[in-house]
Amino acid sequence: MSYVALAKAVRKGMSVRCKYPKHGRLNILKWHTGVIHRTGTGPNGKYAVVQSEDGQFRTLRCDKMIEAVLS
């Protein structure tokens, strides 16, 4: 899913599964799965706060998400 399509599709309460760079900047990808808790637009673009199944929160930028699947 492209950034433009993903940025328009993210909504609170949706489930997301995507690959994301480790620590937000490395060339190692990690799977992130969870429910979108909130979304917003910052100085660097659209982001989503994702709550994983173990209760941890992660803020993920939409332009860095790879192979994102929303449901």
Protein backbone atom coordinates (compact mmCIF):
# COMPACT_ATOMS: atom_id res chain seq x y z
CA MET A 1 0.00 0.00 0.00
CA SER A 2 1.46 3.36 -0.98
CA TYR A 3 1.96 6.20 1.49
CA VAL A 4 -0.87 8.29 0.03
CA ALA A 5 -3.36 5.41 0.20
CA LEU A 6 -2.16 4.36 3.67
CA ALA A 7 -2.30 7.90 5.07
CA LYS A 8 -5.93 8.22 3.98
CA ALA A 9 -6.92 4.75 5.23
CA VAL A 10 -5.56 4.73 8.80
CA ARG A 11 -8.34 5.16 11.38
CA LYS A 12 -8.69 4.69 15.10
CA GLY A 13 -9.76 1.17 16.02
CA MET A 14 -8.41 -0.50 12.88
CA SER A 15 -5.96 -3.38 13.07
CA VAL A 16 -2.59 -2.96 11.37
CA ARG A 17 0.24 -5.33 10.50
CA CYS A 18 3.39 -3.95 8.88
CA LYS A 19 7.14 -4.14 8.68
CA TYR A 20 8.93 -1.16 10.23
CA PRO A 21 12.65 -0.28 10.50
CA LYS A 22 14.22 -1.38 13.77
CA HIS A 23 14.47 1.65 16.12
CA GLY A 24 12.90 3.70 13.31
CA ARG A 25 16.09 4.09 11.29
CA LEU A 26 18.02 0.85 10.75
CA ASN A 27 18.01 -1.33 7.64
CA ILE A 28 16.56 -4.21 9.67
CA LEU A 29 12.78 -4.65 9.48
CA LYS A 30 10.55 -5.86 12.32
CA TRP A 31 6.90 -6.89 12.18
CA HIS A 32 4.52 -4.70 14.19
CA THR A 33 0.95 -5.87 14.79
CA GLY A 34 -1.77 -4.20 16.82
CA VAL A 35 -4.75 -1.88 17.03
CA ILE A 36 -4.48 1.78 16.09
CA HIS A 37 -5.06 3.79 19.27
CA ARG A 38 -4.86 7.25 17.67
CA THR A 39 -3.61 8.97 14.52
CA GLY A 40 -2.24 12.38 13.78
CA THR A 41 -0.18 14.58 11.54
CA GLY A 42 3.20 15.81 12.72
CA PRO A 43 5.94 17.88 11.10
CA ASN A 44 7.20 14.77 9.27
CA GLY A 45 3.81 13.54 8.06
CA LYS A 46 1.04 11.17 9.12
CA TYR A 47 1.58 8.76 12.05
CA ALA A 48 -0.35 6.13 13.99
CA VAL A 49 -0.01 5.08 17.63
CA VAL A 50 -0.33 1.27 17.66
CA GLN A 51 -1.08 -0.79 20.77
CA SER A 52 0.27 -4.33 20.46
CA GLU A 53 -1.31 -7.41 22.05
CA ASP A 54 1.04 -7.25 25.05
CA GLY A 55 -0.07 -3.67 25.79
CA GLN A 56 2.95 -1.74 24.47
CA PHE A 57 2.40 1.45 22.50
CA ARG A 58 4.48 2.34 19.43
CA THR A 59 4.30 5.45 17.27
CA LEU A 60 4.80 4.49 13.63
CA ARG A 61 5.15 6.91 10.71
CA CYS A 62 3.06 5.94 7.70
CA ASP A 63 5.81 6.73 5.19
CA LYS A 64 8.13 4.18 6.84
CA MET A 65 5.58 1.34 7.01
CA ILE A 66 6.36 -1.45 4.54
CA GLU A 67 3.84 -4.07 3.37
CA ALA A 68 1.15 -2.54 5.59
CA VAL A 69 -2.17 -4.39 5.88
CA LEU A 70 -5.18 -2.72 7.49
CA SER A 71 -8.33 -4.50 8.61
